[in-house]
Amino acid sequence: MKPLIAACAALGLAVSLASASRAAEVWKTQSFPELGFAIDFPTPTRAAQHIDEVEGFHIPRTQVDGSDDTRLYSVDSSDYRPVATAGRGFDCDRALGAAGSTSTRILSRTALSVEGGKAVDISLEDHDMLLRERVYCGDGRLITVILVSIDSKPEQLSDATAMRFFDSFRLLP
């Protein structure tokens, strides 16, 4: 009888793990009109808000994170409009030029054409991690879409799942 109980317990564990894995594969469009973007994430997601201080200005920043079995997904949005409104200006070219500069190694960097702003796509190796970022800048906002390969597998940065995440990003009016 004990082997049957152990087998049932193992089966129950396997079913719950499989259910959890399937749950992580559910994707949902997350819309953030107040931040000016929408994107598809594997669910569930977590959001955190911070205030960064830049040159004496308080810059609202929001980070939204999700994950599956092999990748971490993140969007980091900073609103620099208070700086621009104060007449200090916000230089997208400078912000995009600095993107990825703190990384250990930039593997590739490509300028992107986007409506309503500028963007750059960067693949990086940073402290034994592989990641890819798309950094969007426009209307005083800087939004970084980040994908991290947990297993440091280069193909996880450009396969169909990665492209679904990156290509689902859209700026909202």
N, C-alpha and C. Protein backbone atom coordinates (compact mmCIF):
# COMPACT_ATOMS: atom_id res chain seq x y z
N MET A 1 0.81 -1.20 0.00
CA MET A 1 0.00 0.00 0.00
C MET A 1 0.86 1.27 0.00
N LYS A 2 2.01 1.23 0.73
CA LYS A 2 2.87 2.40 0.77
C LYS A 2 3.40 2.77 -0.61
N PRO A 3 3.81 1.78 -1.47
CA PRO A 3 4.26 2.17 -2.81
C PRO A 3 3.16 2.87 -3.61
N LEU A 4 1.91 2.44 -3.44
CA LEU A 4 0.80 3.06 -4.15
C LEU A 4 0.61 4.51 -3.68
N ILE A 5 0.71 4.73 -2.38
CA ILE A 5 0.57 6.09 -1.83
C ILE A 5 1.71 6.96 -2.35
N ALA A 6 2.94 6.41 -2.34
CA ALA A 6 4.09 7.18 -2.83
C ALA A 6 3.93 7.50 -4.31
N ALA A 7 3.44 6.54 -5.09
CA ALA A 7 3.24 6.76 -6.52
C ALA A 7 2.17 7.83 -6.75
N CYS A 8 1.09 7.81 -5.97
CA CYS A 8 0.03 8.81 -6.10
C CYS A 8 0.57 10.19 -5.71
N ALA A 9 1.37 10.25 -4.65
CA ALA A 9 1.95 11.53 -4.24
C ALA A 9 2.87 12.06 -5.32
N ALA A 10 3.69 11.18 -5.91
CA ALA A 10 4.60 11.60 -6.98
C ALA A 10 3.82 12.08 -8.20
N LEU A 11 2.74 11.38 -8.53
CA LEU A 11 1.91 11.77 -9.65
C LEU A 11 1.26 13.14 -9.38
N GLY A 12 0.78 13.33 -8.16
CA GLY A 12 0.19 14.62 -7.79
C GLY A 12 1.19 15.75 -7.90
N LEU A 13 2.43 15.50 -7.46
CA LEU A 13 3.48 16.51 -7.57
C LEU A 13 3.78 16.81 -9.04
N ALA A 14 3.88 15.76 -9.85
CA ALA A 14 4.17 15.95 -11.27
C ALA A 14 3.06 16.74 -11.95
N VAL A 15 1.80 16.44 -11.62
CA VAL A 15 0.67 17.16 -12.21
C VAL A 15 0.69 18.62 -11.78
N SER A 16 0.98 18.89 -10.50
CA SER A 16 0.99 20.28 -10.05
C SER A 16 2.14 21.05 -10.68
N LEU A 17 3.32 20.40 -10.85
CA LEU A 17 4.43 21.06 -11.51
C LEU A 17 4.12 21.33 -12.97
N ALA A 18 3.50 20.36 -13.64
CA ALA A 18 3.13 20.55 -15.05
C ALA A 18 2.11 21.68 -15.17
N SER A 19 1.16 21.74 -14.23
CA SER A 19 0.17 22.82 -14.26
C SER A 19 0.84 24.16 -14.05
N ALA A 20 1.79 24.22 -13.12
CA ALA A 20 2.50 25.48 -12.88
C ALA A 20 3.29 25.88 -14.11
N SER A 21 3.91 24.91 -14.79
CA SER A 21 4.68 25.21 -15.99
C SER A 21 3.75 25.72 -17.09
N ARG A 22 2.58 25.08 -17.26
CA ARG A 22 1.62 25.55 -18.27
C ARG A 22 1.11 26.93 -17.92
N ALA A 23 0.90 27.18 -16.63
CA ALA A 23 0.40 28.49 -16.22
C ALA A 23 1.41 29.57 -16.60
N ALA A 24 2.70 29.26 -16.51
CA ALA A 24 3.73 30.24 -16.85
C ALA A 24 3.74 30.52 -18.35
N GLU A 25 3.17 29.61 -19.16
CA GLU A 25 3.17 29.79 -20.60
C GLU A 25 2.00 30.64 -21.09
N VAL A 26 1.08 31.02 -20.21
CA VAL A 26 -0.05 31.85 -20.59
C VAL A 26 0.45 33.28 -20.76
N TRP A 27 0.18 33.84 -21.93
CA TRP A 27 0.61 35.21 -22.24
C TRP A 27 -0.61 36.11 -22.22
N LYS A 28 -0.39 37.34 -21.79
CA LYS A 28 -1.48 38.30 -21.70
C LYS A 28 -0.94 39.68 -22.07
N THR A 29 -1.74 40.44 -22.81
CA THR A 29 -1.35 41.82 -23.12
C THR A 29 -1.52 42.67 -21.88
N GLN A 30 -0.45 43.32 -21.50
CA GLN A 30 -0.46 44.25 -20.36
C GLN A 30 -0.42 45.66 -20.93
N SER A 31 -1.40 46.47 -20.62
CA SER A 31 -1.47 47.82 -21.13
C SER A 31 -1.24 48.81 -20.01
N PHE A 32 -0.35 49.76 -20.25
CA PHE A 32 -0.01 50.78 -19.26
C PHE A 32 -0.16 52.16 -19.91
N PRO A 33 -1.41 52.64 -20.08
CA PRO A 33 -1.62 53.92 -20.76
C PRO A 33 -0.92 55.08 -20.05
N GLU A 34 -0.87 55.03 -18.72
CA GLU A 34 -0.21 56.10 -17.99
C GLU A 34 1.29 56.14 -18.22
N LEU A 35 1.86 54.99 -18.65
CA LEU A 35 3.29 54.91 -18.96
C LEU A 35 3.56 54.99 -20.46
N GLY A 36 2.49 54.90 -21.25
CA GLY A 36 2.62 55.08 -22.69
C GLY A 36 3.00 53.85 -23.48
N PHE A 37 2.73 52.62 -22.94
CA PHE A 37 3.06 51.44 -23.72
C PHE A 37 2.16 50.27 -23.35
N ALA A 38 2.16 49.27 -24.24
CA ALA A 38 1.51 47.98 -24.01
C ALA A 38 2.46 46.91 -24.51
N ILE A 39 2.39 45.71 -23.91
CA ILE A 39 3.28 44.61 -24.29
C ILE A 39 2.67 43.29 -23.81
N ASP A 40 3.00 42.20 -24.50
CA ASP A 40 2.56 40.88 -24.08
C ASP A 40 3.58 40.29 -23.12
N PHE A 41 3.11 39.77 -21.99
CA PHE A 41 3.95 39.14 -20.98
C PHE A 41 3.46 37.74 -20.68
N PRO A 42 4.39 36.84 -20.33
CA PRO A 42 3.92 35.60 -19.72
C PRO A 42 3.39 35.98 -18.34
N THR A 43 2.29 35.39 -17.94
CA THR A 43 1.71 35.76 -16.65
C THR A 43 2.16 34.79 -15.57
N PRO A 44 2.15 35.16 -14.32
CA PRO A 44 1.78 36.47 -13.81
C PRO A 44 2.94 37.45 -13.92
N THR A 45 2.62 38.73 -13.78
CA THR A 45 3.65 39.77 -13.79
C THR A 45 3.64 40.49 -12.43
N ARG A 46 4.75 41.16 -12.17
CA ARG A 46 4.87 41.99 -10.97
C ARG A 46 5.27 43.39 -11.39
N ALA A 47 4.74 44.38 -10.73
CA ALA A 47 5.10 45.76 -11.05
C ALA A 47 5.58 46.47 -9.79
N ALA A 48 6.59 47.29 -9.96
CA ALA A 48 7.11 48.08 -8.85
C ALA A 48 7.34 49.51 -9.33
N GLN A 49 7.06 50.46 -8.47
CA GLN A 49 7.27 51.86 -8.82
C GLN A 49 8.34 52.45 -7.91
N HIS A 50 9.18 53.30 -8.50
CA HIS A 50 10.27 53.95 -7.79
C HIS A 50 10.29 55.42 -8.20
N ILE A 51 11.00 56.20 -7.45
CA ILE A 51 11.30 57.58 -7.84
C ILE A 51 12.82 57.69 -7.89
N ASP A 52 13.36 58.00 -9.07
CA ASP A 52 14.79 58.23 -9.21
C ASP A 52 15.04 59.73 -9.16
N GLU A 53 16.15 60.13 -8.61
CA GLU A 53 16.51 61.54 -8.62
C GLU A 53 17.60 61.74 -9.65
N VAL A 54 17.33 62.60 -10.64
CA VAL A 54 18.27 62.90 -11.71
C VAL A 54 18.41 64.41 -11.80
N GLU A 55 19.61 64.90 -11.55
CA GLU A 55 19.89 66.33 -11.62
C GLU A 55 18.88 67.16 -10.84
N GLY A 56 18.49 66.68 -9.66
CA GLY A 56 17.56 67.40 -8.80
C GLY A 56 16.10 67.19 -9.13
N PHE A 57 15.80 66.42 -10.16
CA PHE A 57 14.41 66.15 -10.54
C PHE A 57 14.01 64.76 -10.05
N HIS A 58 12.75 64.62 -9.66
CA HIS A 58 12.21 63.33 -9.27
C HIS A 58 11.59 62.69 -10.50
N ILE A 59 12.17 61.59 -10.92
CA ILE A 59 11.76 60.91 -12.15
C ILE A 59 10.97 59.65 -11.80
N PRO A 60 9.66 59.62 -12.14
CA PRO A 60 8.88 58.41 -11.88
C PRO A 60 9.39 57.25 -12.74
N ARG A 61 9.55 56.11 -12.12
CA ARG A 61 10.05 54.93 -12.82
C ARG A 61 9.21 53.73 -12.43
N THR A 62 8.82 52.95 -13.41
CA THR A 62 8.03 51.74 -13.17
C THR A 62 8.73 50.57 -13.84
N GLN A 63 8.79 49.45 -13.13
CA GLN A 63 9.37 48.23 -13.68
C GLN A 63 8.33 47.13 -13.59
N VAL A 64 8.11 46.44 -14.70
CA VAL A 64 7.17 45.32 -14.77
C VAL A 64 7.98 44.08 -15.14
N ASP A 65 7.81 42.99 -14.38
CA ASP A 65 8.59 41.78 -14.59
C ASP A 65 7.70 40.56 -14.72
N GLY A 66 8.18 39.60 -15.51
CA GLY A 66 7.55 38.30 -15.64
C GLY A 66 8.63 37.28 -15.94
N SER A 67 8.28 36.00 -15.92
CA SER A 67 9.28 34.97 -16.21
C SER A 67 8.59 33.70 -16.67
N ASP A 68 9.38 32.84 -17.30
CA ASP A 68 8.95 31.48 -17.57
C ASP A 68 10.10 30.57 -17.14
N ASP A 69 10.13 29.35 -17.60
CA ASP A 69 11.15 28.41 -17.13
C ASP A 69 12.56 28.75 -17.58
N THR A 70 12.73 29.53 -18.63
CA THR A 70 14.06 29.76 -19.19
C THR A 70 14.46 31.22 -19.33
N ARG A 71 13.52 32.14 -19.10
CA ARG A 71 13.80 33.56 -19.35
C ARG A 71 13.14 34.46 -18.31
N LEU A 72 13.76 35.62 -18.15
CA LEU A 72 13.16 36.70 -17.38
C LEU A 72 12.79 37.80 -18.36
N TYR A 73 11.61 38.39 -18.17
CA TYR A 73 11.10 39.45 -19.05
C TYR A 73 10.90 40.70 -18.19
N SER A 74 11.28 41.84 -18.71
CA SER A 74 11.14 43.06 -17.92
C SER A 74 10.95 44.27 -18.83
N VAL A 75 10.20 45.24 -18.33
CA VAL A 75 10.09 46.55 -18.98
C VAL A 75 10.34 47.58 -17.90
N ASP A 76 11.26 48.49 -18.19
CA ASP A 76 11.61 49.55 -17.26
C ASP A 76 11.27 50.87 -17.94
N SER A 77 10.39 51.65 -17.35
CA SER A 77 9.92 52.89 -17.95
C SER A 77 10.24 54.07 -17.04
N SER A 78 10.94 55.07 -17.59
CA SER A 78 11.25 56.29 -16.85
C SER A 78 10.65 57.48 -17.58
N ASP A 79 10.04 58.37 -16.81
CA ASP A 79 9.37 59.54 -17.37
C ASP A 79 10.21 60.78 -17.10
N TYR A 80 10.91 61.25 -18.14
CA TYR A 80 11.78 62.42 -18.02
C TYR A 80 11.07 63.71 -18.41
N ARG A 81 9.75 63.67 -18.58
CA ARG A 81 9.04 64.89 -18.98
C ARG A 81 9.21 66.03 -17.98
N PRO A 82 9.33 65.76 -16.65
CA PRO A 82 9.58 66.89 -15.74
C PRO A 82 10.88 67.64 -16.06
N VAL A 83 11.89 66.93 -16.52
CA VAL A 83 13.17 67.56 -16.90
C VAL A 83 12.95 68.41 -18.14
N ALA A 84 12.26 67.85 -19.13
CA ALA A 84 12.02 68.57 -20.38
C ALA A 84 11.14 69.79 -20.15
N THR A 85 10.13 69.65 -19.29
CA THR A 85 9.22 70.76 -18.99
C THR A 85 9.96 71.92 -18.33
N ALA A 86 10.99 71.61 -17.55
CA ALA A 86 11.74 72.65 -16.85
C ALA A 86 12.74 73.35 -17.77
N GLY A 87 12.70 73.01 -19.06
CA GLY A 87 13.59 73.66 -20.01
C GLY A 87 14.99 73.08 -20.04
N ARG A 88 15.23 71.99 -19.33
CA ARG A 88 16.55 71.36 -19.30
C ARG A 88 16.76 70.46 -20.52
N GLY A 89 15.66 70.09 -21.15
CA GLY A 89 15.75 69.22 -22.32
C GLY A 89 16.03 67.78 -21.94
N PHE A 90 15.71 66.89 -22.83
CA PHE A 90 16.01 65.47 -22.66
C PHE A 90 16.50 64.98 -24.00
N ASP A 91 17.73 64.51 -24.05
CA ASP A 91 18.39 64.15 -25.30
C ASP A 91 18.28 62.64 -25.55
N CYS A 92 17.38 62.26 -26.47
CA CYS A 92 17.21 60.84 -26.79
C CYS A 92 18.49 60.23 -27.36
N ASP A 93 19.18 60.97 -28.21
CA ASP A 93 20.41 60.42 -28.80
C ASP A 93 21.43 60.10 -27.72
N ARG A 94 21.55 60.98 -26.75
CA ARG A 94 22.49 60.75 -25.65
C ARG A 94 22.04 59.55 -24.81
N ALA A 95 20.75 59.47 -24.50
CA ALA A 95 20.23 58.35 -23.70
C ALA A 95 20.41 57.03 -24.42
N LEU A 96 20.11 56.98 -25.72
CA LEU A 96 20.27 55.74 -26.48
C LEU A 96 21.75 55.39 -26.65
N GLY A 97 22.61 56.39 -26.77
CA GLY A 97 24.04 56.15 -26.89
C GLY A 97 24.62 55.53 -25.64
N ALA A 98 24.06 55.87 -24.48
CA ALA A 98 24.54 55.32 -23.21
C ALA A 98 23.96 53.95 -22.92
N ALA A 99 22.91 53.55 -23.62
CA ALA A 99 22.27 52.25 -23.36
C ALA A 99 23.28 51.11 -23.55
N GLY A 100 23.35 50.26 -22.56
CA GLY A 100 24.26 49.12 -22.62
C GLY A 100 25.69 49.43 -22.25
N SER A 101 26.00 50.69 -21.95
CA SER A 101 27.40 51.08 -21.72
C SER A 101 27.97 50.53 -20.42
N THR A 102 27.12 50.13 -19.48
CA THR A 102 27.63 49.57 -18.23
C THR A 102 27.81 48.06 -18.32
N SER A 103 27.50 47.50 -19.47
CA SER A 103 27.60 46.05 -19.67
C SER A 103 29.05 45.62 -19.78
N THR A 104 29.28 44.36 -19.45
CA THR A 104 30.60 43.78 -19.62
C THR A 104 30.99 43.75 -21.10
N ARG A 105 30.05 43.32 -21.95
CA ARG A 105 30.36 43.18 -23.38
C ARG A 105 29.10 43.34 -24.23
N ILE A 106 29.15 44.28 -25.18
CA ILE A 106 28.06 44.44 -26.14
C ILE A 106 28.31 43.48 -27.30
N LEU A 107 27.36 42.59 -27.56
CA LEU A 107 27.49 41.61 -28.64
C LEU A 107 27.00 42.17 -29.97
N SER A 108 25.94 42.96 -29.93
CA SER A 108 25.43 43.61 -31.13
C SER A 108 24.63 44.84 -30.73
N ARG A 109 24.55 45.78 -31.67
CA ARG A 109 23.81 47.03 -31.43
C ARG A 109 23.26 47.49 -32.77
N THR A 110 21.92 47.67 -32.85
CA THR A 110 21.28 48.05 -34.10
C THR A 110 20.25 49.15 -33.84
N ALA A 111 20.31 50.22 -34.61
CA ALA A 111 19.30 51.27 -34.51
C ALA A 111 18.01 50.74 -35.13
N LEU A 112 16.88 51.09 -34.53
CA LEU A 112 15.58 50.65 -35.02
C LEU A 112 14.76 51.85 -35.46
N SER A 113 13.87 51.63 -36.39
CA SER A 113 12.95 52.66 -36.83
C SER A 113 11.62 52.44 -36.11
N VAL A 114 11.18 53.43 -35.36
CA VAL A 114 9.91 53.33 -34.65
C VAL A 114 9.12 54.63 -34.84
N GLU A 115 7.81 54.49 -34.81
CA GLU A 115 6.96 55.66 -34.93
C GLU A 115 6.92 56.40 -33.60
N GLY A 116 7.13 57.69 -33.62
CA GLY A 116 7.01 58.50 -32.42
C GLY A 116 8.26 58.56 -31.56
N GLY A 117 9.40 58.13 -32.08
CA GLY A 117 10.61 58.20 -31.27
C GLY A 117 11.78 57.50 -31.93
N LYS A 118 12.76 57.16 -31.12
CA LYS A 118 13.96 56.47 -31.59
C LYS A 118 14.14 55.22 -30.75
N ALA A 119 14.89 54.25 -31.29
CA ALA A 119 15.11 53.01 -30.53
C ALA A 119 16.40 52.35 -30.96
N VAL A 120 16.90 51.49 -30.08
CA VAL A 120 18.09 50.70 -30.36
C VAL A 120 17.87 49.29 -29.79
N ASP A 121 18.37 48.29 -30.51
CA ASP A 121 18.30 46.88 -30.08
C ASP A 121 19.72 46.46 -29.74
N ILE A 122 19.92 45.97 -28.51
CA ILE A 122 21.26 45.63 -28.04
C ILE A 122 21.27 44.23 -27.44
N SER A 123 22.23 43.40 -27.85
CA SER A 123 22.46 42.11 -27.21
C SER A 123 23.73 42.24 -26.38
N LEU A 124 23.67 41.74 -25.14
CA LEU A 124 24.74 41.96 -24.18
C LEU A 124 25.13 40.69 -23.46
N GLU A 125 26.35 40.67 -23.01
CA GLU A 125 26.79 39.64 -22.06
C GLU A 125 27.23 40.41 -20.82
N ASP A 126 26.62 40.10 -19.70
CA ASP A 126 26.91 40.84 -18.49
C ASP A 126 26.99 39.87 -17.32
N HIS A 127 28.19 39.72 -16.75
CA HIS A 127 28.40 38.83 -15.61
C HIS A 127 27.84 37.44 -15.86
N ASP A 128 28.25 36.80 -16.93
CA ASP A 128 27.86 35.44 -17.30
C ASP A 128 26.37 35.29 -17.62
N MET A 129 25.69 36.39 -17.90
CA MET A 129 24.30 36.34 -18.34
C MET A 129 24.23 36.88 -19.75
N LEU A 130 23.31 36.34 -20.53
CA LEU A 130 23.03 36.88 -21.85
C LEU A 130 21.70 37.61 -21.77
N LEU A 131 21.65 38.81 -22.33
CA LEU A 131 20.41 39.54 -22.35
C LEU A 131 20.29 40.37 -23.61
N ARG A 132 19.07 40.73 -23.89
CA ARG A 132 18.79 41.57 -25.05
C ARG A 132 17.87 42.69 -24.59
N GLU A 133 18.16 43.88 -25.04
CA GLU A 133 17.35 45.04 -24.68
C GLU A 133 16.91 45.77 -25.95
N ARG A 134 15.71 46.27 -25.92
CA ARG A 134 15.27 47.25 -26.89
C ARG A 134 14.95 48.50 -26.09
N VAL A 135 15.64 49.56 -26.40
CA VAL A 135 15.49 50.81 -25.66
C VAL A 135 14.78 51.81 -26.57
N TYR A 136 13.65 52.31 -26.09
CA TYR A 136 12.82 53.25 -26.85
C TYR A 136 12.87 54.61 -26.16
N CYS A 137 12.97 55.66 -26.96
CA CYS A 137 13.03 57.01 -26.41
C CYS A 137 12.15 57.92 -27.25
N GLY A 138 11.29 58.65 -26.58
CA GLY A 138 10.45 59.61 -27.28
C GLY A 138 9.52 60.29 -26.32
N ASP A 139 9.16 61.52 -26.61
CA ASP A 139 8.22 62.29 -25.81
C ASP A 139 8.64 62.35 -24.34
N GLY A 140 9.95 62.44 -24.09
CA GLY A 140 10.43 62.55 -22.72
C GLY A 140 10.40 61.27 -21.92
N ARG A 141 10.16 60.15 -22.58
CA ARG A 141 10.13 58.86 -21.89
C ARG A 141 11.25 57.97 -22.40
N LEU A 142 11.80 57.18 -21.51
CA LEU A 142 12.82 56.18 -21.85
C LEU A 142 12.29 54.84 -21.37
N ILE A 143 12.07 53.92 -22.31
CA ILE A 143 11.49 52.62 -21.98
C ILE A 143 12.44 51.54 -22.47
N THR A 144 12.85 50.66 -21.55
CA THR A 144 13.75 49.57 -21.89
C THR A 144 13.01 48.25 -21.74
N VAL A 145 12.94 47.48 -22.83
CA VAL A 145 12.33 46.16 -22.85
C VAL A 145 13.49 45.17 -22.76
N ILE A 146 13.48 44.30 -21.75
CA ILE A 146 14.63 43.45 -21.45
C ILE A 146 14.23 41.98 -21.43
N LEU A 147 15.04 41.16 -22.05
CA LEU A 147 14.88 39.70 -22.00
C LEU A 147 16.20 39.11 -21.55
N VAL A 148 16.17 38.29 -20.50
CA VAL A 148 17.37 37.64 -19.96
C VAL A 148 17.24 36.14 -20.16
N SER A 149 18.27 35.53 -20.75
CA SER A 149 18.32 34.08 -20.87
C SER A 149 18.88 33.52 -19.57
N ILE A 150 18.06 32.82 -18.81
CA ILE A 150 18.50 32.26 -17.53
C ILE A 150 19.62 31.24 -17.75
N ASP A 151 19.52 30.48 -18.84
CA ASP A 151 20.50 29.44 -19.14
C ASP A 151 21.67 29.96 -19.98
N SER A 152 21.71 31.26 -20.27
CA SER A 152 22.74 31.87 -21.12
C SER A 152 22.84 31.19 -22.47
N LYS A 153 21.69 30.90 -23.07
CA LYS A 153 21.64 30.31 -24.41
C LYS A 153 21.33 31.41 -25.42
N PRO A 154 22.26 31.68 -26.34
CA PRO A 154 22.05 32.78 -27.30
C PRO A 154 20.76 32.67 -28.09
N GLU A 155 20.33 31.46 -28.44
CA GLU A 155 19.11 31.31 -29.24
C GLU A 155 17.87 31.80 -28.50
N GLN A 156 17.91 31.85 -27.16
CA GLN A 156 16.76 32.32 -26.39
C GLN A 156 16.54 33.82 -26.52
N LEU A 157 17.50 34.51 -27.11
CA LEU A 157 17.36 35.96 -27.29
C LEU A 157 16.71 36.32 -28.62
N SER A 158 16.58 35.33 -29.53
CA SER A 158 16.03 35.66 -30.85
C SER A 158 15.06 34.61 -31.40
N ASP A 159 14.68 33.62 -30.60
CA ASP A 159 13.74 32.61 -31.09
C ASP A 159 12.32 33.18 -31.12
N ALA A 160 11.35 32.35 -31.48
CA ALA A 160 9.97 32.82 -31.64
C ALA A 160 9.40 33.42 -30.36
N THR A 161 9.73 32.85 -29.21
CA THR A 161 9.22 33.39 -27.95
C THR A 161 9.81 34.76 -27.67
N ALA A 162 11.10 34.92 -27.90
CA ALA A 162 11.75 36.22 -27.69
C ALA A 162 11.14 37.27 -28.62
N MET A 163 10.96 36.90 -29.87
CA MET A 163 10.42 37.86 -30.84
C MET A 163 8.96 38.20 -30.53
N ARG A 164 8.21 37.23 -29.99
CA ARG A 164 6.83 37.52 -29.59
C ARG A 164 6.83 38.63 -28.53
N PHE A 165 7.73 38.51 -27.56
CA PHE A 165 7.83 39.51 -26.50
C PHE A 165 8.23 40.87 -27.07
N PHE A 166 9.33 40.92 -27.80
CA PHE A 166 9.82 42.20 -28.33
C PHE A 166 8.85 42.82 -29.33
N ASP A 167 8.33 42.02 -30.24
CA ASP A 167 7.45 42.56 -31.29
C ASP A 167 6.08 42.97 -30.78
N SER A 168 5.69 42.48 -29.60
CA SER A 168 4.38 42.87 -29.06
C SER A 168 4.42 44.27 -28.44
N PHE A 169 5.61 44.80 -28.18
CA PHE A 169 5.73 46.12 -27.56
C PHE A 169 5.21 47.19 -28.50
N ARG A 170 4.40 48.08 -27.96
CA ARG A 170 3.94 49.22 -28.76
C ARG A 170 3.78 50.44 -27.87
N LEU A 171 4.19 51.57 -28.44
CA LEU A 171 4.01 52.85 -27.77
C LEU A 171 2.56 53.27 -27.93
N LEU A 172 1.99 53.80 -26.89
CA LEU A 172 0.61 54.28 -26.92
C LEU A 172 0.61 55.80 -27.03
N PRO A 173 -0.41 56.36 -27.67
CA PRO A 173 -0.47 57.83 -27.80
C PRO A 173 -0.66 58.51 -26.45
